[in-house]
Every structure is written in C-alpha cells, then in structure tokens.
Amino acid sequence: PVSIMIETFGTNHVPQEEIEAAVEKVFDLRPAA
C-alpha cells in the first residue's frame, strides 16, 4: 500500500500511535496477503 491511515475519532482507549503500530505489525495488507 502507498498509505495506511487509522482514525478513531477520539474514542481510542490506548494511545493512537500504539494502534497504528499494532495494525502495521499484525496485518499484512499487500493484495496477495
């Protein structure tokens, strides 16, 4: 992907940067994956 954005609208219960880093670590968003 050329970009990935996570928006939680101020409803996050952990720091936003943790959610972004967790998503990047857990999900492989290449089409074949």
Full PDB file with SEQRES, HELIX, SHEET, SSBOND, CRYST1, ORIGX, SCALE, CONECT and MASTER records, all heavy atoms in Angstrom:
SEQRES   1 A   33  PRO VAL SER ILE MET ILE GLU THR PHE GLY THR ASN HIS          
SEQRES   2 A   33  VAL PRO GLN GLU GLU ILE GLU ALA ALA VAL GLU LYS VAL          
SEQRES   3 A   33  PHE ASP LEU ARG PRO ALA ALA                                  
HELIX    1 AA1 GLN A   16  VAL A   26  1                                  11    
CRYST1    1.000    1.000    1.000  90.00  90.00  90.00 P 1           1          
ORIGX1      1.000000  0.000000  0.000000        0.00000                         
ORIGX2      0.000000  1.000000  0.000000        0.00000                         
ORIGX3      0.000000  0.000000  1.000000        0.00000                         
SCALE1      1.000000  0.000000  0.000000        0.00000                         
SCALE2      0.000000  1.000000  0.000000        0.00000                         
SCALE3      0.000000  0.000000  1.000000        0.00000                         
ATOM      1  N   PRO A   1       0.831  -1.209   0.000  1.00  0.00           N  
ATOM      2  CA  PRO A   1       0.000   0.000   0.000  1.00  0.00           C  
ATOM      3  C   PRO A   1       0.861   1.253   0.000  1.00  0.00           C  
ATOM      4  O   PRO A   1       1.949   1.270   0.600  1.00  0.00           O  
ATOM      5  CB  PRO A   1      -0.790  -0.119   1.310  1.00  0.00           C  
ATOM      6  CG  PRO A   1      -0.742  -1.557   1.685  1.00  0.00           C  
ATOM      7  CD  PRO A   1       0.565  -2.072   1.179  1.00  0.00           C  
ATOM      8  N   VAL A   2       0.390   2.291  -0.673  1.00  0.00           N  
ATOM      9  CA  VAL A   2       1.122   3.558  -0.643  1.00  0.00           C  
ATOM     10  C   VAL A   2       0.853   4.320   0.646  1.00  0.00           C  
ATOM     11  O   VAL A   2       1.637   5.182   1.048  1.00  0.00           O  
ATOM     12  CB  VAL A   2       0.797   4.439  -1.871  1.00  0.00           C  
ATOM     13  CG1 VAL A   2       1.193   3.723  -3.155  1.00  0.00           C  
ATOM     14  CG2 VAL A   2      -0.688   4.807  -1.923  1.00  0.00           C  
ATOM     15  N   SER A   3      -0.269   4.009   1.314  1.00  0.00           N  
ATOM     16  CA  SER A   3      -0.548   4.625   2.614  1.00  0.00           C  
ATOM     17  C   SER A   3      -1.583   3.809   3.373  1.00  0.00           C  
ATOM     18  O   SER A   3      -2.411   3.121   2.777  1.00  0.00           O  
ATOM     19  CB  SER A   3      -1.051   6.069   2.453  1.00  0.00           C  
ATOM     20  OG  SER A   3      -2.333   6.094   1.843  1.00  0.00           O  
ATOM     21  N   ILE A   4      -1.499   3.888   4.705  1.00  0.00           N  
ATOM     22  CA  ILE A   4      -2.485   3.290   5.611  1.00  0.00           C  
ATOM     23  C   ILE A   4      -2.783   4.331   6.681  1.00  0.00           C  
ATOM     24  O   ILE A   4      -1.855   4.878   7.287  1.00  0.00           O  
ATOM     25  CB  ILE A   4      -1.958   2.005   6.276  1.00  0.00           C  
ATOM     26  CG1 ILE A   4      -1.579   0.962   5.220  1.00  0.00           C  
ATOM     27  CG2 ILE A   4      -3.010   1.425   7.233  1.00  0.00           C  
ATOM     28  CD1 ILE A   4      -0.819  -0.226   5.782  1.00  0.00           C  
ATOM     29  N   MET A   5      -4.052   4.629   6.894  1.00  0.00           N  
ATOM     30  CA  MET A   5      -4.449   5.610   7.903  1.00  0.00           C  
ATOM     31  C   MET A   5      -5.448   4.989   8.865  1.00  0.00           C  
ATOM     32  O   MET A   5      -6.362   4.278   8.442  1.00  0.00           O  
ATOM     33  CB  MET A   5      -5.081   6.843   7.245  1.00  0.00           C  
ATOM     34  CG  MET A   5      -5.469   7.940   8.228  1.00  0.00           C  
ATOM     35  SD  MET A   5      -6.775   9.025   7.625  1.00  0.00           S  
ATOM     36  CE  MET A   5      -8.224   7.988   7.733  1.00  0.00           C  
ATOM     37  N   ILE A   6      -5.282   5.255  10.140  1.00  0.00           N  
ATOM     38  CA  ILE A   6      -6.208   4.796  11.177  1.00  0.00           C  
ATOM     39  C   ILE A   6      -6.804   6.022  11.862  1.00  0.00           C  
ATOM     40  O   ILE A   6      -6.070   6.872  12.365  1.00  0.00           O  
ATOM     41  CB  ILE A   6      -5.495   3.925  12.236  1.00  0.00           C  
ATOM     42  CG1 ILE A   6      -4.608   2.850  11.585  1.00  0.00           C  
ATOM     43  CG2 ILE A   6      -6.519   3.324  13.198  1.00  0.00           C  
ATOM     44  CD1 ILE A   6      -5.348   1.791  10.850  1.00  0.00           C  
ATOM     45  N   GLU A   7      -8.137   6.118  11.890  1.00  0.00           N  
ATOM     46  CA  GLU A   7      -8.829   7.230  12.554  1.00  0.00           C  
ATOM     47  C   GLU A   7      -9.774   6.649  13.600  1.00  0.00           C  
ATOM     48  O   GLU A   7     -10.580   5.764  13.285  1.00  0.00           O  
ATOM     49  CB  GLU A   7      -9.609   8.044  11.523  1.00  0.00           C  
ATOM     50  CG  GLU A   7     -10.525   9.095  12.111  1.00  0.00           C  
ATOM     51  CD  GLU A   7      -9.772  10.174  12.871  1.00  0.00           C  
ATOM     52  OE1 GLU A   7      -9.122  11.010  12.213  1.00  0.00           O  
ATOM     53  OE2 GLU A   7      -9.830  10.153  14.127  1.00  0.00           O  
ATOM     54  N   THR A   8      -9.655   7.123  14.838  1.00  0.00           N  
ATOM     55  CA  THR A   8     -10.519   6.621  15.903  1.00  0.00           C  
ATOM     56  C   THR A   8     -11.429   7.701  16.483  1.00  0.00           C  
ATOM     57  O   THR A   8     -12.137   7.451  17.454  1.00  0.00           O  
ATOM     58  CB  THR A   8      -9.689   5.977  17.020  1.00  0.00           C  
ATOM     59  OG1 THR A   8      -8.751   6.935  17.517  1.00  0.00           O  
ATOM     60  CG2 THR A   8      -8.938   4.750  16.506  1.00  0.00           C  
ATOM     61  N   PHE A   9     -11.420   8.892  15.930  1.00  0.00           N  
ATOM     62  CA  PHE A   9     -12.376   9.947  16.274  1.00  0.00           C  
ATOM     63  C   PHE A   9     -12.358  10.303  17.766  1.00  0.00           C  
ATOM     64  O   PHE A   9     -13.392  10.663  18.341  1.00  0.00           O  
ATOM     65  CB  PHE A   9     -13.792   9.540  15.856  1.00  0.00           C  
ATOM     66  CG  PHE A   9     -13.897   9.097  14.421  1.00  0.00           C  
ATOM     67  CD1 PHE A   9     -13.846   7.737  14.097  1.00  0.00           C  
ATOM     68  CD2 PHE A   9     -14.010  10.016  13.399  1.00  0.00           C  
ATOM     69  CE1 PHE A   9     -13.919   7.315  12.774  1.00  0.00           C  
ATOM     70  CE2 PHE A   9     -14.083   9.593  12.068  1.00  0.00           C  
ATOM     71  CZ  PHE A   9     -14.047   8.249  11.753  1.00  0.00           C  
ATOM     72  N   GLY A  10     -11.194  10.176  18.377  1.00  0.00           N  
ATOM     73  CA  GLY A  10     -11.086  10.498  19.794  1.00  0.00           C  
ATOM     74  C   GLY A  10     -11.680   9.468  20.725  1.00  0.00           C  
ATOM     75  O   GLY A  10     -11.785   9.709  21.931  1.00  0.00           O  
ATOM     76  N   THR A  11     -12.038   8.288  20.197  1.00  0.00           N  
ATOM     77  CA  THR A  11     -12.650   7.239  21.033  1.00  0.00           C  
ATOM     78  C   THR A  11     -11.633   6.182  21.461  1.00  0.00           C  
ATOM     79  O   THR A  11     -12.016   5.169  22.040  1.00  0.00           O  
ATOM     80  CB  THR A  11     -13.801   6.534  20.286  1.00  0.00           C  
ATOM     81  OG1 THR A  11     -13.263   5.759  19.206  1.00  0.00           O  
ATOM     82  CG2 THR A  11     -14.805   7.544  19.750  1.00  0.00           C  
ATOM     83  N   ASN A  12     -10.353   6.391  21.159  1.00  0.00           N  
ATOM     84  CA  ASN A  12      -9.332   5.383  21.461  1.00  0.00           C  
ATOM     85  C   ASN A  12      -9.121   5.243  22.961  1.00  0.00           C  
ATOM     86  O   ASN A  12      -9.179   6.215  23.726  1.00  0.00           O  
ATOM     87  CB  ASN A  12      -8.011   5.731  20.775  1.00  0.00           C  
ATOM     88  CG  ASN A  12      -7.561   7.155  21.022  1.00  0.00           C  
ATOM     89  OD1 ASN A  12      -8.270   8.109  20.683  1.00  0.00           O  
ATOM     90  ND2 ASN A  12      -6.380   7.313  21.602  1.00  0.00           N  
ATOM     91  N   HIS A  13      -8.866   4.002  23.398  1.00  0.00           N  
ATOM     92  CA  HIS A  13      -8.620   3.689  24.807  1.00  0.00           C  
ATOM     93  C   HIS A  13      -7.150   3.388  25.081  1.00  0.00           C  
ATOM     94  O   HIS A  13      -6.773   3.142  26.229  1.00  0.00           O  
ATOM     95  CB  HIS A  13      -9.482   2.501  25.237  1.00  0.00           C  
ATOM     96  CG  HIS A  13     -10.951   2.766  25.087  1.00  0.00           C  
ATOM     97  ND1 HIS A  13     -11.624   3.720  25.822  1.00  0.00           N  
ATOM     98  CD2 HIS A  13     -11.880   2.218  24.249  1.00  0.00           C  
ATOM     99  CE1 HIS A  13     -12.904   3.738  25.469  1.00  0.00           C  
ATOM    100  NE2 HIS A  13     -13.081   2.838  24.508  1.00  0.00           N  
ATOM    101  N   VAL A  14      -6.353   3.357  24.035  1.00  0.00           N  
ATOM    102  CA  VAL A  14      -4.893   3.290  24.148  1.00  0.00           C  
ATOM    103  C   VAL A  14      -4.353   4.383  23.231  1.00  0.00           C  
ATOM    104  O   VAL A  14      -5.079   4.884  22.357  1.00  0.00           O  
ATOM    105  CB  VAL A  14      -4.335   1.901  23.747  1.00  0.00           C  
ATOM    106  CG1 VAL A  14      -4.915   0.806  24.640  1.00  0.00           C  
ATOM    107  CG2 VAL A  14      -4.614   1.594  22.287  1.00  0.00           C  
ATOM    108  N   PRO A  15      -3.111   4.782  23.390  1.00  0.00           N  
ATOM    109  CA  PRO A  15      -2.580   5.844  22.527  1.00  0.00           C  
ATOM    110  C   PRO A  15      -2.734   5.521  21.037  1.00  0.00           C  
ATOM    111  O   PRO A  15      -2.540   4.381  20.614  1.00  0.00           O  
ATOM    112  CB  PRO A  15      -1.103   5.919  22.937  1.00  0.00           C  
ATOM    113  CG  PRO A  15      -1.083   5.447  24.355  1.00  0.00           C  
ATOM    114  CD  PRO A  15      -2.130   4.370  24.428  1.00  0.00           C  
ATOM    115  N   GLN A  16      -3.093   6.548  20.271  1.00  0.00           N  
ATOM    116  CA  GLN A  16      -3.321   6.372  18.838  1.00  0.00           C  
ATOM    117  C   GLN A  16      -2.111   5.752  18.145  1.00  0.00           C  
ATOM    118  O   GLN A  16      -2.259   4.864  17.293  1.00  0.00           O  
ATOM    119  CB  GLN A  16      -3.644   7.735  18.198  1.00  0.00           C  
ATOM    120  CG  GLN A  16      -3.896   7.699  16.701  1.00  0.00           C  
ATOM    121  CD  GLN A  16      -5.242   7.110  16.327  1.00  0.00           C  
ATOM    122  OE1 GLN A  16      -6.145   7.027  17.154  1.00  0.00           O  
ATOM    123  NE2 GLN A  16      -5.388   6.693  15.081  1.00  0.00           N  
ATOM    124  N   GLU A  17      -0.915   6.185  18.536  1.00  0.00           N  
ATOM    125  CA  GLU A  17       0.280   5.656  17.882  1.00  0.00           C  
ATOM    126  C   GLU A  17       0.473   4.163  18.155  1.00  0.00           C  
ATOM    127  O   GLU A  17       1.039   3.435  17.327  1.00  0.00           O  
ATOM    128  CB  GLU A  17       1.532   6.440  18.297  1.00  0.00           C  
ATOM    129  CG  GLU A  17       1.806   6.481  19.791  1.00  0.00           C  
ATOM    130  CD  GLU A  17       1.140   7.656  20.498  1.00  0.00           C  
ATOM    131  OE1 GLU A  17       0.159   8.221  19.947  1.00  0.00           O  
ATOM    132  OE2 GLU A  17       1.607   8.001  21.602  1.00  0.00           O  
ATOM    133  N   GLU A  18      -0.019   3.694  19.291  1.00  0.00           N  
ATOM    134  CA  GLU A  18       0.047   2.260  19.574  1.00  0.00           C  
ATOM    135  C   GLU A  18      -0.878   1.471  18.646  1.00  0.00           C  
ATOM    136  O   GLU A  18      -0.520   0.384  18.172  1.00  0.00           O  
ATOM    137  CB  GLU A  18      -0.316   1.973  21.037  1.00  0.00           C  
ATOM    138  CG  GLU A  18       0.758   2.353  22.035  1.00  0.00           C  
ATOM    139  CD  GLU A  18       0.480   1.771  23.415  1.00  0.00           C  
ATOM    140  OE1 GLU A  18      -0.349   0.840  23.525  1.00  0.00           O  
ATOM    141  OE2 GLU A  18       1.093   2.264  24.387  1.00  0.00           O  
ATOM    142  N   ILE A  19      -2.059   2.014  18.403  1.00  0.00           N  
ATOM    143  CA  ILE A  19      -2.997   1.338  17.491  1.00  0.00           C  
ATOM    144  C   ILE A  19      -2.393   1.261  16.095  1.00  0.00           C  
ATOM    145  O   ILE A  19      -2.421   0.209  15.443  1.00  0.00           O  
ATOM    146  CB  ILE A  19      -4.351   2.082  17.457  1.00  0.00           C  
ATOM    147  CG1 ILE A  19      -5.008   2.066  18.842  1.00  0.00           C  
ATOM    148  CG2 ILE A  19      -5.280   1.443  16.419  1.00  0.00           C  
ATOM    149  CD1 ILE A  19      -6.293   2.868  18.923  1.00  0.00           C  
ATOM    150  N   GLU A  20      -1.832   2.370  15.631  1.00  0.00           N  
ATOM    151  CA  GLU A  20      -1.234   2.395  14.292  1.00  0.00           C  
ATOM    152  C   GLU A  20      -0.090   1.390  14.182  1.00  0.00           C  
ATOM    153  O   GLU A  20       0.009   0.653  13.186  1.00  0.00           O  
ATOM    154  CB  GLU A  20      -0.754   3.807  13.975  1.00  0.00           C  
ATOM    155  CG  GLU A  20      -1.901   4.812  13.842  1.00  0.00           C  
ATOM    156  CD  GLU A  20      -1.433   6.254  13.814  1.00  0.00           C  
ATOM    157  OE1 GLU A  20      -0.204   6.487  13.982  1.00  0.00           O  
ATOM    158  OE2 GLU A  20      -2.272   7.149  13.629  1.00  0.00           O  
ATOM    159  N   ALA A  21       0.774   1.356  15.196  1.00  0.00           N  
ATOM    160  CA  ALA A  21       1.902   0.425  15.178  1.00  0.00           C  
ATOM    161  C   ALA A  21       1.419  -1.023  15.264  1.00  0.00           C  
ATOM    162  O   ALA A  21       1.967  -1.921  14.598  1.00  0.00           O  
ATOM    163  CB  ALA A  21       2.855   0.739  16.327  1.00  0.00           C  
ATOM    164  N   ALA A  22       0.383  -1.267  16.059  1.00  0.00           N  
ATOM    165  CA  ALA A  22      -0.157  -2.624  16.205  1.00  0.00           C  
ATOM    166  C   ALA A  22      -0.755  -3.120  14.897  1.00  0.00           C  
ATOM    167  O   ALA A  22      -0.556  -4.276  14.498  1.00  0.00           O  
ATOM    168  CB  ALA A  22      -1.202  -2.654  17.313  1.00  0.00           C  
ATOM    169  N   VAL A  23      -1.499  -2.253  14.213  1.00  0.00           N  
ATOM    170  CA  VAL A  23      -2.087  -2.635  12.925  1.00  0.00           C  
ATOM    171  C   VAL A  23      -0.992  -2.973  11.919  1.00  0.00           C  
ATOM    172  O   VAL A  23      -1.069  -3.973  11.195  1.00  0.00           O  
ATOM    173  CB  VAL A  23      -2.999  -1.504  12.390  1.00  0.00           C  
ATOM    174  CG1 VAL A  23      -3.351  -1.735  10.922  1.00  0.00           C  
ATOM    175  CG2 VAL A  23      -4.272  -1.409  13.227  1.00  0.00           C  
ATOM    176  N   GLU A  24       0.042  -2.146  11.876  1.00  0.00           N  
ATOM    177  CA  GLU A  24       1.142  -2.406  10.944  1.00  0.00           C  
ATOM    178  C   GLU A  24       1.831  -3.733  11.248  1.00  0.00           C  
ATOM    179  O   GLU A  24       2.228  -4.461  10.342  1.00  0.00           O  
ATOM    180  CB  GLU A  24       2.161  -1.266  11.003  1.00  0.00           C  
ATOM    181  CG  GLU A  24       3.276  -1.416   9.982  1.00  0.00           C  
ATOM    182  CD  GLU A  24       4.214  -0.224   9.958  1.00  0.00           C  
ATOM    183  OE1 GLU A  24       3.969   0.761  10.680  1.00  0.00           O  
ATOM    184  OE2 GLU A  24       5.212  -0.280   9.213  1.00  0.00           O  
ATOM    185  N   LYS A  25       1.952  -4.069  12.525  1.00  0.00           N  
ATOM    186  CA  LYS A  25       2.613  -5.315  12.923  1.00  0.00           C  
ATOM    187  C   LYS A  25       1.752  -6.543  12.657  1.00  0.00           C  
ATOM    188  O   LYS A  25       2.255  -7.590  12.212  1.00  0.00           O  
ATOM    189  CB  LYS A  25       2.968  -5.250  14.415  1.00  0.00           C  
ATOM    190  CG  LYS A  25       3.661  -6.499  14.945  1.00  0.00           C  
ATOM    191  CD  LYS A  25       4.004  -6.355  16.415  1.00  0.00           C  
ATOM    192  CE  LYS A  25       4.699  -7.616  16.946  1.00  0.00           C  
ATOM    193  NZ  LYS A  25       5.040  -7.483  18.396  1.00  0.00           N  
ATOM    194  N   VAL A  26       0.456  -6.437  12.886  1.00  0.00           N  
ATOM    195  CA  VAL A  26      -0.438  -7.602  12.865  1.00  0.00           C  
ATOM    196  C   VAL A  26      -0.980  -7.912  11.469  1.00  0.00           C  
ATOM    197  O   VAL A  26      -1.159  -9.088  11.117  1.00  0.00           O  
ATOM    198  CB  VAL A  26      -1.594  -7.392  13.865  1.00  0.00           C  
ATOM    199  CG1 VAL A  26      -2.664  -8.474  13.715  1.00  0.00           C  
ATOM    200  CG2 VAL A  26      -1.059  -7.360  15.290  1.00  0.00           C  
ATOM    201  N   PHE A  27      -1.237  -6.886  10.667  1.00  0.00           N  
ATOM    202  CA  PHE A  27      -1.891  -7.085   9.373  1.00  0.00           C  
ATOM    203  C   PHE A  27      -0.928  -6.842   8.207  1.00  0.00           C  
ATOM    204  O   PHE A  27      -0.281  -5.797   8.144  1.00  0.00           O  
ATOM    205  CB  PHE A  27      -3.092  -6.141   9.220  1.00  0.00           C  
ATOM    206  CG  PHE A  27      -4.215  -6.426  10.169  1.00  0.00           C  
ATOM    207  CD1 PHE A  27      -4.313  -5.749  11.385  1.00  0.00           C  
ATOM    208  CD2 PHE A  27      -5.192  -7.362   9.854  1.00  0.00           C  
ATOM    209  CE1 PHE A  27      -5.354  -6.005  12.266  1.00  0.00           C  
ATOM    210  CE2 PHE A  27      -6.241  -7.622  10.730  1.00  0.00           C  
ATOM    211  CZ  PHE A  27      -6.318  -6.946  11.934  1.00  0.00           C  
ATOM    212  N   ASP A  28      -0.865  -7.789   7.293  1.00  0.00           N  
ATOM    213  CA  ASP A  28      -0.145  -7.625   6.034  1.00  0.00           C  
ATOM    214  C   ASP A  28      -1.169  -7.252   4.976  1.00  0.00           C  
ATOM    215  O   ASP A  28      -2.026  -8.068   4.611  1.00  0.00           O  
ATOM    216  CB  ASP A  28       0.566  -8.923   5.655  1.00  0.00           C  
ATOM    217  CG  ASP A  28       1.491  -8.769   4.450  1.00  0.00           C  
ATOM    218  OD1 ASP A  28       1.316  -7.800   3.682  1.00  0.00           O  
ATOM    219  OD2 ASP A  28       2.381  -9.624   4.274  1.00  0.00           O  
ATOM    220  N   LEU A  29      -1.106  -6.020   4.477  1.00  0.00           N  
ATOM    221  CA  LEU A  29      -2.148  -5.507   3.594  1.00  0.00           C  
ATOM    222  C   LEU A  29      -1.725  -5.459   2.130  1.00  0.00           C  
ATOM    223  O   LEU A  29      -2.318  -4.737   1.333  1.00  0.00           O  
ATOM    224  CB  LEU A  29      -2.608  -4.134   4.096  1.00  0.00           C  
ATOM    225  CG  LEU A  29      -3.265  -4.184   5.485  1.00  0.00           C  
ATOM    226  CD1 LEU A  29      -3.568  -2.783   6.002  1.00  0.00           C  
ATOM    227  CD2 LEU A  29      -4.532  -5.033   5.474  1.00  0.00           C  
ATOM    228  N   ARG A  30      -0.747  -6.263   1.761  1.00  0.00           N  
ATOM    229  CA  ARG A  30      -0.462  -6.479   0.349  1.00  0.00           C  
ATOM    230  C   ARG A  30      -1.591  -7.341  -0.241  1.00  0.00           C  
ATOM    231  O   ARG A  30      -2.100  -8.245   0.444  1.00  0.00           O  
ATOM    232  CB  ARG A  30       0.888  -7.164   0.177  1.00  0.00           C  
ATOM    233  CG  ARG A  30       2.080  -6.296   0.536  1.00  0.00           C  
ATOM    234  CD  ARG A  30       3.381  -7.061   0.496  1.00  0.00           C  
ATOM    235  NE  ARG A  30       3.473  -8.064   1.563  1.00  0.00           N  
ATOM    236  CZ  ARG A  30       4.475  -8.930   1.684  1.00  0.00           C  
ATOM    237  NH1 ARG A  30       5.456  -8.930   0.794  1.00  0.00           N  
ATOM    238  NH2 ARG A  30       4.482  -9.803   2.681  1.00  0.00           N  
ATOM    239  N   PRO A  31      -2.013  -7.079  -1.484  1.00  0.00           N  
ATOM    240  CA  PRO A  31      -3.167  -7.810  -2.035  1.00  0.00           C  
ATOM    241  C   PRO A  31      -3.053  -9.326  -1.937  1.00  0.00           C  
ATOM    242  O   PRO A  31      -4.015  -9.999  -1.552  1.00  0.00           O  
ATOM    243  CB  PRO A  31      -3.211  -7.336  -3.495  1.00  0.00           C  
ATOM    244  CG  PRO A  31      -2.639  -5.961  -3.440  1.00  0.00           C  
ATOM    245  CD  PRO A  31      -1.564  -6.009  -2.403  1.00  0.00           C  
ATOM    246  N   ALA A  32      -1.904  -9.896  -2.267  1.00  0.00           N  
ATOM    247  CA  ALA A  32      -1.763 -11.356  -2.210  1.00  0.00           C  
ATOM    248  C   ALA A  32      -1.889 -11.870  -0.786  1.00  0.00           C  
ATOM    249  O   ALA A  32      -2.441 -12.960  -0.554  1.00  0.00           O  
ATOM    250  CB  ALA A  32      -0.414 -11.775  -2.806  1.00  0.00           C  
ATOM    251  N   ALA A  33      -1.395 -11.100   0.178  1.00  0.00           N  
ATOM    252  CA  ALA A  33      -1.505 -11.500   1.584  1.00  0.00           C  
ATOM    253  C   ALA A  33      -2.958 -11.436   2.045  1.00  0.00           C  
ATOM    254  O   ALA A  33      -3.426 -12.300   2.800  1.00  0.00           O  
ATOM    255  CB  ALA A  33      -0.623 -10.604   2.449  1.00  0.00           C  
TER     256      ALA A  33                                                      
MASTER        0    0    0    1    0    0    0    6  255    1    0    3          
END                                                                             
